[in-house]
C-alpha atoms as a PDB file:
ATOM      1  CA  MET A   1     147.321 100.366  41.422  1.00  0.00           C
ATOM      2  CA  HIS A   2     144.471  99.027  40.454  1.00  0.00           C
ATOM      3  CA  GLU A   3     142.261 101.023  42.473  1.00  0.00           C
ATOM      4  CA  LEU A   4     142.975 103.830  39.830  1.00  0.00           C
ATOM      5  CA  GLY A   5     140.662 101.024  37.340  1.00  0.00           C
ATOM      6  CA  LEU A   6     138.027 100.653  39.970  1.00  0.00           C
ATOM      7  CA  ALA A   7     137.674 104.100  40.793  1.00  0.00           C
ATOM      8  CA  ALA A   8     137.195 104.319  37.318  1.00  0.00           C
ATOM      9  CA  GLU A   9     134.091 101.917  36.724  1.00  0.00           C
ATOM     10  CA  ILE A  10     133.072 103.108  39.687  1.00  0.00           C
ATOM     11  CA  PHE A  11     132.291 106.247  38.451  1.00  0.00           C
ATOM     12  CA  ARG A  12     131.497 105.185  34.844  1.00  0.00           C
ATOM     13  CA  ILE A  13     128.298 102.725  36.627  1.00  0.00           C
ATOM     14  CA  ALA A  14     127.772 106.388  38.794  1.00  0.00           C
ATOM     15  CA  ARG A  15     127.995 108.853  36.015  1.00  0.00           C
ATOM     16  CA  GLU A  16     125.802 106.469  33.791  1.00  0.00           C
ATOM     17  CA  THR A  17     123.155 105.644  35.993  1.00  0.00           C
ATOM     18  CA  VAL A  18     122.663 109.573  37.035  1.00  0.00           C
ATOM     19  CA  ASP A  19     122.084 110.605  33.251  1.00  0.00           C
ATOM     20  CA  ALA A  20     119.959 108.008  33.043  1.00  0.00           C
ATOM     21  CA  ARG A  21     117.802 109.733  35.489  1.00  0.00           C
ATOM     22  CA  GLY A  22     117.929 113.385  33.896  1.00  0.00           C
ATOM     23  CA  GLY A  23     121.491 114.183  34.679  1.00  0.00           C
ATOM     24  CA  GLY A  24     122.854 116.192  37.843  1.00  0.00           C
ATOM     25  CA  ARG A  25     125.790 116.579  39.523  1.00  0.00           C
ATOM     26  CA  LEU A  26     127.328 113.349  41.009  1.00  0.00           C
ATOM     27  CA  GLU A  27     127.427 114.618  45.337  1.00  0.00           C
ATOM     28  CA  SER A  28     128.411 110.571  46.757  1.00  0.00           C
ATOM     29  CA  VAL A  29     128.704 107.223  46.010  1.00  0.00           C
ATOM     30  CA  THR A  30     128.609 104.959  48.940  1.00  0.00           C
ATOM     31  CA  VAL A  31     130.622 101.200  47.612  1.00  0.00           C
ATOM     32  CA  VAL A  32     130.617  97.607  49.917  1.00  0.00           C
ATOM     33  CA  VAL A  33     134.421  96.211  49.952  1.00  0.00           C
ATOM     34  CA  GLY A  34     134.742  93.335  51.584  1.00  0.00           C
ATOM     35  CA  ASP A  35     138.316  92.398  53.280  1.00  0.00           C
ATOM     36  CA  LEU A  36     138.873  89.484  50.291  1.00  0.00           C
ATOM     37  CA  ALA A  37     138.570  91.946  47.633  1.00  0.00           C
ATOM     38  CA  ALA A  38     142.111  93.087  47.426  1.00  0.00           C
ATOM     39  CA  VAL A  39     141.250  96.666  47.438  1.00  0.00           C
ATOM     40  CA  GLU A  40     142.650  98.923  49.944  1.00  0.00           C
ATOM     41  CA  PRO A  41     139.974 101.382  50.786  1.00  0.00           C
ATOM     42  CA  ASP A  42     142.793 104.292  51.103  1.00  0.00           C
ATOM     43  CA  LEU A  43     143.552 103.969  48.079  1.00  0.00           C
ATOM     44  CA  LEU A  44     140.618 103.603  46.464  1.00  0.00           C
ATOM     45  CA  GLU A  45     139.420 106.998  47.851  1.00  0.00           C
ATOM     46  CA  PHE A  46     142.636 108.821  46.078  1.00  0.00           C
ATOM     47  CA  ALA A  47     141.971 107.312  43.548  1.00  0.00           C
ATOM     48  CA  TRP A  48     138.591 108.671  43.515  1.00  0.00           C
ATOM     49  CA  LYS A  49     139.574 111.905  43.842  1.00  0.00           C
ATOM     50  CA  ALA A  50     142.020 111.679  40.614  1.00  0.00           C
ATOM     51  CA  THR A  51     138.693 110.491  38.757  1.00  0.00           C
ATOM     52  CA  VAL A  52     136.515 113.413  39.502  1.00  0.00           C
ATOM     53  CA  ALA A  53     138.963 115.842  39.772  1.00  0.00           C
ATOM     54  CA  GLY A  54     138.246 118.903  36.898  1.00  0.00           C
ATOM     55  CA  GLY A  55     135.206 117.689  35.812  1.00  0.00           C
ATOM     56  CA  LEU A  56     131.310 118.254  36.349  1.00  0.00           C
ATOM     57  CA  ASP A  57     131.656 116.151  39.246  1.00  0.00           C
ATOM     58  CA  GLU A  58     134.766 117.338  41.408  1.00  0.00           C
ATOM     59  CA  GLY A  59     134.515 117.356  44.628  1.00  0.00           C
ATOM     60  CA  ALA A  60     131.798 113.837  44.665  1.00  0.00           C
ATOM     61  CA  LYS A  61     132.850 111.631  47.916  1.00  0.00           C
ATOM     62  CA  LEU A  62     133.464 108.154  47.849  1.00  0.00           C
ATOM     63  CA  HIS A  63     132.303 106.315  50.899  1.00  0.00           C
ATOM     64  CA  VAL A  64     133.713 103.145  51.642  1.00  0.00           C
ATOM     65  CA  ASP A  65     131.745 100.357  53.268  1.00  0.00           C
ATOM     66  CA  TRP A  66     133.977  98.077  54.710  1.00  0.00           C
ATOM     67  CA  ARG A  67     132.971  94.137  55.092  1.00  0.00           C
ATOM     68  CA  PRO A  68     135.183  91.933  57.263  1.00  0.00           C
ATOM     69  CA  ALA A  69     135.641  88.284  56.486  1.00  0.00           C
ATOM     70  CA  ARG A  70     135.229  85.862  59.448  1.00  0.00           C
ATOM     71  CA  GLN A  71     136.973  82.537  60.097  1.00  0.00           C
ATOM     72  CA  LEU A  72     134.731  80.294  61.436  1.00  0.00           C
ATOM     73  CA  CYS A  73     134.950  77.151  63.127  1.00  0.00           C
ATOM     74  CA  SER A  74     132.764  73.596  63.002  1.00  0.00           C
ATOM     75  CA  SER A  75     133.729  72.893  66.954  1.00  0.00           C
ATOM     76  CA  CYS A  76     134.185  76.795  68.389  1.00  0.00           C
ATOM     77  CA  GLY A  77     132.644  79.328  66.269  1.00  0.00           C
ATOM     78  CA  GLU A  78     134.002  82.317  65.460  1.00  0.00           C
ATOM     79  CA  VAL A  79     137.568  82.470  65.414  1.00  0.00           C
ATOM     80  CA  PRO A  80     139.332  86.343  66.209  1.00  0.00           C
ATOM     81  CA  GLU A  81     142.745  85.732  66.935  1.00  0.00           C
ATOM     82  CA  ARG A  82     144.506  86.063  63.626  1.00  0.00           C
ATOM     83  CA  ALA A  83     146.381  89.482  62.634  1.00  0.00           C
ATOM     84  CA  GLU A  84     145.122  91.685  60.250  1.00  0.00           C
ATOM     85  CA  GLY A  85     145.405  90.541  56.780  1.00  0.00           C
ATOM     86  CA  SER A  86     146.323  87.070  57.676  1.00  0.00           C
ATOM     87  CA  TRP A  87     144.250  83.916  58.039  1.00  0.00           C
ATOM     88  CA  LEU A  88     144.824  80.793  59.751  1.00  0.00           C
ATOM     89  CA  ARG A  89     144.462  77.287  58.106  1.00  0.00           C
ATOM     90  CA  LEU A  90     143.332  75.739  61.025  1.00  0.00           C
ATOM     91  CA  CYS A  91     141.607  76.930  64.664  1.00  0.00           C
ATOM     92  CA  PRO A  92     144.116  77.188  67.724  1.00  0.00           C
ATOM     93  CA  ARG A  93     141.952  76.498  69.565  1.00  0.00           C
ATOM     94  CA  CYS A  94     140.858  73.481  68.336  1.00  0.00           C
ATOM     95  CA  ARG A  95     142.779  72.412  65.435  1.00  0.00           C
ATOM     96  CA  GLN A  96     139.857  71.872  63.293  1.00  0.00           C
ATOM     97  CA  PRO A  97     140.009  73.070  60.100  1.00  0.00           C
ATOM     98  CA  LEU A  98     138.640  76.885  59.273  1.00  0.00           C
ATOM     99  CA  ARG A  99     136.383  78.564  56.880  1.00  0.00           C
ATOM    100  CA  VAL A 100     135.762  81.868  55.879  1.00  0.00           C
ATOM    101  CA  GLU A 101     132.382  83.923  55.228  1.00  0.00           C
ATOM    102  CA  GLY A 102     131.958  86.777  53.533  1.00  0.00           C
ATOM    103  CA  GLY A 103     133.922  89.785  52.958  1.00  0.00           C
ATOM    104  CA  ASP A 104     134.256  89.481  48.861  1.00  0.00           C
ATOM    105  CA  GLU A 105     131.509  91.649  48.712  1.00  0.00           C
ATOM    106  CA  LEU A 106     132.528  94.452  45.799  1.00  0.00           C
ATOM    107  CA  GLU A 107     129.557  96.653  44.795  1.00  0.00           C
ATOM    108  CA  VAL A 108     127.901 100.319  44.463  1.00  0.00           C
ATOM    109  CA  ARG A 109     125.310 100.295  46.887  1.00  0.00           C
ATOM    110  CA  THR A 110     124.225 104.331  46.601  1.00  0.00           C
ATOM    111  CA  MET A 111     124.727 107.367  44.981  1.00  0.00           C
ATOM    112  CA  THR A 112     123.032 110.809  45.829  1.00  0.00           C
ATOM    113  CA  PHE A 113     123.407 113.615  43.222  1.00  0.00           C
ATOM    114  CA  SER A 114     121.752 117.406  42.677  1.00  0.00           C
ATOM    115  CA  GLU A 115     119.093 116.952  39.681  1.00  0.00           C
ATOM    116  CA  GLY A 116     119.633 119.399  36.259  1.00  0.00           C
ATOM    117  CA  ALA A 117     123.173 120.715  38.156  1.00  0.00           C
ATOM    118  CA  ALA A 118     125.396 121.758  36.040  1.00  0.00           C
END
């Protein structure tokens, strides 16, 4: 489960940011995760809880801002006709090759913390 490593890295980034601003208790972190990032949001949230358990930041929330990828056809526009987790190579309407846009995000977006809390 690589989500545990991702949770640890998200925590490291958040903790360093809080410490650089004078310290405090981490309250929440929002991460942007794209459809193509190979990350399971539920597993990431589970791993996050394990990462912050037992420390100063226990109970800090992780919010996942999910960003779907879109399949586009140069003739037909967006092609929503796909099963979740699957990708089409050709447009089901006109048989033209499809391209995929977005969904590759994986970044720490925002965080909140209580200043000076110990």
